[in-house]
Amino acid sequence: MKILIVDRDESILFLYKEEFEADGHQVVGTLSGRAVPELIAKEKPGVVVVGSRLIDFDTLELMDLVKAAHPDLPMVLNTSLYELRVRAKEHGAEYLASRTSDLMELRKIFKEIEQRIK
């Protein structure tokens, strides 16, 4: 499955790319929320993972934009910020994951999405 990851932290992008590609996924990462619409059109990901406090776009606004343009595209909000987690579902996030170096939660979500689209 192709995964689009949007996060403000280059080290997170690097870690996720290394780990999830080792799991057999294709990973596209960006620091820019503004690049997401173009990347979705070009890369056609199976899931979008959105981090909090993006450098150039409000997280919830980005999620609204993605959900409006691609209502069937699964989205994961990847954050430990309580206030965002509470509001995430009303902004299009189907899944919530805690932003940690333990990637088991995200792996479980990806597996669930892959099962659903088979």
C-alpha atoms as a PDB file:
ATOM      1  CA  MET A   1       0.000   0.000   0.000  1.00  0.00           C
ATOM      2  CA  LYS A   2       1.189   3.508  -0.706  1.00  0.00           C
ATOM      3  CA  ILE A   3       1.293   5.760   2.367  1.00  0.00           C
ATOM      4  CA  LEU A   4       1.456   9.566   2.277  1.00  0.00           C
ATOM      5  CA  ILE A   5       2.908  10.988   5.481  1.00  0.00           C
ATOM      6  CA  VAL A   6       2.660  14.692   6.320  1.00  0.00           C
ATOM      7  CA  ASP A   7       4.703  15.801   9.318  1.00  0.00           C
ATOM      8  CA  ARG A   8       6.685  18.840  10.468  1.00  0.00           C
ATOM      9  CA  ASP A   9       9.598  16.688  11.651  1.00  0.00           C
ATOM     10  CA  GLU A  10      12.096  15.368   9.095  1.00  0.00           C
ATOM     11  CA  SER A  11      13.313  12.693  11.500  1.00  0.00           C
ATOM     12  CA  ILE A  12       9.756  11.290  11.771  1.00  0.00           C
ATOM     13  CA  LEU A  13       9.474  11.229   7.978  1.00  0.00           C
ATOM     14  CA  PHE A  14      12.807   9.402   7.737  1.00  0.00           C
ATOM     15  CA  LEU A  15      11.923   6.889  10.481  1.00  0.00           C
ATOM     16  CA  TYR A  16       8.477   6.143   9.070  1.00  0.00           C
ATOM     17  CA  LYS A  17       9.823   5.792   5.527  1.00  0.00           C
ATOM     18  CA  GLU A  18      12.524   3.344   6.640  1.00  0.00           C
ATOM     19  CA  GLU A  19      10.219   1.283   8.833  1.00  0.00           C
ATOM     20  CA  PHE A  20       7.156   1.116   6.610  1.00  0.00           C
ATOM     21  CA  GLU A  21       9.153   0.439   3.445  1.00  0.00           C
ATOM     22  CA  ALA A  22      10.782  -2.452   5.323  1.00  0.00           C
ATOM     23  CA  ASP A  23       7.214  -3.692   5.899  1.00  0.00           C
ATOM     24  CA  GLY A  24       6.631  -3.659   2.132  1.00  0.00           C
ATOM     25  CA  HIS A  25       4.796  -0.335   1.775  1.00  0.00           C
ATOM     26  CA  GLN A  26       5.625   2.526  -0.554  1.00  0.00           C
ATOM     27  CA  VAL A  27       6.070   5.743   1.411  1.00  0.00           C
ATOM     28  CA  VAL A  28       5.868   9.340   0.248  1.00  0.00           C
ATOM     29  CA  GLY A  29       6.648  11.973   2.860  1.00  0.00           C
ATOM     30  CA  THR A  30       6.311  15.729   2.950  1.00  0.00           C
ATOM     31  CA  LEU A  31       6.919  18.517   5.423  1.00  0.00           C
ATOM     32  CA  SER A  32       4.416  20.676   3.556  1.00  0.00           C
ATOM     33  CA  GLY A  33       0.676  20.549   4.085  1.00  0.00           C
ATOM     34  CA  ARG A  34       0.301  22.745   1.007  1.00  0.00           C
ATOM     35  CA  ALA A  35       1.874  19.993  -1.127  1.00  0.00           C
ATOM     36  CA  VAL A  36      -0.698  17.382  -0.085  1.00  0.00           C
ATOM     37  CA  PRO A  37      -3.413  17.947  -2.745  1.00  0.00           C
ATOM     38  CA  GLU A  38      -0.847  17.675  -5.544  1.00  0.00           C
ATOM     39  CA  LEU A  39       0.820  14.648  -3.945  1.00  0.00           C
ATOM     40  CA  ILE A  40      -2.513  12.850  -3.566  1.00  0.00           C
ATOM     41  CA  ALA A  41      -3.297  13.474  -7.245  1.00  0.00           C
ATOM     42  CA  LYS A  42       0.164  12.364  -8.375  1.00  0.00           C
ATOM     43  CA  GLU A  43       0.897   9.474  -5.988  1.00  0.00           C
ATOM     44  CA  LYS A  44      -2.622   8.066  -5.358  1.00  0.00           C
ATOM     45  CA  PRO A  45      -1.931   6.886  -1.796  1.00  0.00           C
ATOM     46  CA  GLY A  46      -4.057   4.285  -0.016  1.00  0.00           C
ATOM     47  CA  VAL A  47      -3.879   6.260   3.231  1.00  0.00           C
ATOM     48  CA  VAL A  48      -2.783   9.703   4.426  1.00  0.00           C
ATOM     49  CA  VAL A  49      -1.101  10.077   7.827  1.00  0.00           C
ATOM     50  CA  VAL A  50      -1.268  13.657   9.102  1.00  0.00           C
ATOM     51  CA  GLY A  51       0.836  14.950  11.974  1.00  0.00           C
ATOM     52  CA  SER A  52      -0.011  17.886  14.196  1.00  0.00           C
ATOM     53  CA  ARG A  53       1.317  21.428  14.141  1.00  0.00           C
ATOM     54  CA  LEU A  54       2.288  21.420  10.482  1.00  0.00           C
ATOM     55  CA  ILE A  55       4.676  24.165   9.452  1.00  0.00           C
ATOM     56  CA  ASP A  56       2.583  25.691   6.676  1.00  0.00           C
ATOM     57  CA  PHE A  57      -1.014  24.526   7.121  1.00  0.00           C
ATOM     58  CA  ASP A  58      -3.488  24.025   9.943  1.00  0.00           C
ATOM     59  CA  THR A  59      -3.847  20.282  10.609  1.00  0.00           C
ATOM     60  CA  LEU A  60      -7.636  20.241  10.885  1.00  0.00           C
ATOM     61  CA  GLU A  61      -8.072  22.473   7.821  1.00  0.00           C
ATOM     62  CA  LEU A  62      -5.845  20.136   5.831  1.00  0.00           C
ATOM     63  CA  MET A  63      -7.908  17.161   6.926  1.00  0.00           C
ATOM     64  CA  ASP A  64     -11.114  18.984   5.870  1.00  0.00           C
ATOM     65  CA  LEU A  65      -9.587  19.741   2.464  1.00  0.00           C
ATOM     66  CA  VAL A  66      -8.497  16.129   1.899  1.00  0.00           C
ATOM     67  CA  LYS A  67     -11.825  14.668   3.031  1.00  0.00           C
ATOM     68  CA  ALA A  68     -13.815  17.045   0.809  1.00  0.00           C
ATOM     69  CA  ALA A  69     -11.773  16.154  -2.274  1.00  0.00           C
ATOM     70  CA  HIS A  70     -11.287  12.446  -1.482  1.00  0.00           C
ATOM     71  CA  PRO A  71     -14.088  11.240   0.814  1.00  0.00           C
ATOM     72  CA  ASP A  72     -13.083   7.572   0.516  1.00  0.00           C
ATOM     73  CA  LEU A  73      -9.375   8.082   1.233  1.00  0.00           C
ATOM     74  CA  PRO A  74      -8.573   6.845   4.760  1.00  0.00           C
ATOM     75  CA  MET A  75      -6.891   9.407   6.977  1.00  0.00           C
ATOM     76  CA  VAL A  76      -4.948   8.912  10.201  1.00  0.00           C
ATOM     77  CA  LEU A  77      -4.293  11.745  12.628  1.00  0.00           C
ATOM     78  CA  ASN A  78      -0.921  10.985  14.168  1.00  0.00           C
ATOM     79  CA  THR A  79      -0.635  13.053  17.344  1.00  0.00           C
ATOM     80  CA  SER A  80      -0.567  12.904  21.092  1.00  0.00           C
ATOM     81  CA  LEU A  81      -2.251  16.307  21.430  1.00  0.00           C
ATOM     82  CA  TYR A  82      -5.537  15.758  23.245  1.00  0.00           C
ATOM     83  CA  GLU A  83      -7.339  18.769  21.797  1.00  0.00           C
ATOM     84  CA  LEU A  84      -6.686  17.583  18.233  1.00  0.00           C
ATOM     85  CA  ARG A  85      -7.583  13.980  18.991  1.00  0.00           C
ATOM     86  CA  VAL A  86     -10.962  15.083  20.371  1.00  0.00           C
ATOM     87  CA  ARG A  87     -11.813  17.033  17.201  1.00  0.00           C
ATOM     88  CA  ALA A  88     -10.207  14.743  14.616  1.00  0.00           C
ATOM     89  CA  LYS A  89     -13.210  12.596  13.719  1.00  0.00           C
ATOM     90  CA  GLU A  90     -15.346  15.605  12.797  1.00  0.00           C
ATOM     91  CA  HIS A  91     -12.548  16.681  10.427  1.00  0.00           C
ATOM     92  CA  GLY A  92     -12.297  13.426   8.504  1.00  0.00           C
ATOM     93  CA  ALA A  93      -9.881  11.262  10.476  1.00  0.00           C
ATOM     94  CA  GLU A  94     -11.011   7.658  10.483  1.00  0.00           C
ATOM     95  CA  TYR A  95      -8.140   6.607  12.703  1.00  0.00           C
ATOM     96  CA  LEU A  96      -6.130   8.096  15.543  1.00  0.00           C
ATOM     97  CA  ALA A  97      -2.562   7.112  16.380  1.00  0.00           C
ATOM     98  CA  SER A  98      -0.259   8.354  19.101  1.00  0.00           C
ATOM     99  CA  ARG A  99       2.868  10.040  17.773  1.00  0.00           C
ATOM    100  CA  THR A 100       5.587   7.866  19.255  1.00  0.00           C
ATOM    101  CA  SER A 101       8.569   5.888  18.011  1.00  0.00           C
ATOM    102  CA  ASP A 102       6.554   2.694  18.657  1.00  0.00           C
ATOM    103  CA  LEU A 103       4.965   2.096  15.287  1.00  0.00           C
ATOM    104  CA  MET A 104       2.814  -0.892  16.213  1.00  0.00           C
ATOM    105  CA  GLU A 105      -0.332   1.238  16.392  1.00  0.00           C
ATOM    106  CA  LEU A 106       0.184   2.569  12.867  1.00  0.00           C
ATOM    107  CA  ARG A 107       1.071  -0.904  11.582  1.00  0.00           C
ATOM    108  CA  LYS A 108      -2.189  -2.235  13.005  1.00  0.00           C
ATOM    109  CA  ILE A 109      -4.140   0.592  11.323  1.00  0.00           C
ATOM    110  CA  PHE A 110      -2.432  -0.058   7.971  1.00  0.00           C
ATOM    111  CA  LYS A 111      -3.225  -3.749   8.208  1.00  0.00           C
ATOM    112  CA  GLU A 112      -6.886  -2.939   8.918  1.00  0.00           C
ATOM    113  CA  ILE A 113      -7.047  -0.596   5.910  1.00  0.00           C
ATOM    114  CA  GLU A 114      -5.434  -3.207   3.651  1.00  0.00           C
ATOM    115  CA  GLN A 115      -7.973  -5.817   4.784  1.00  0.00           C
ATOM    116  CA  ARG A 116     -10.829  -3.421   4.128  1.00  0.00           C
ATOM    117  CA  ILE A 117      -9.775  -2.606   0.569  1.00  0.00           C
ATOM    118  CA  LYS A 118      -9.113  -6.209  -0.508  1.00  0.00           C
END
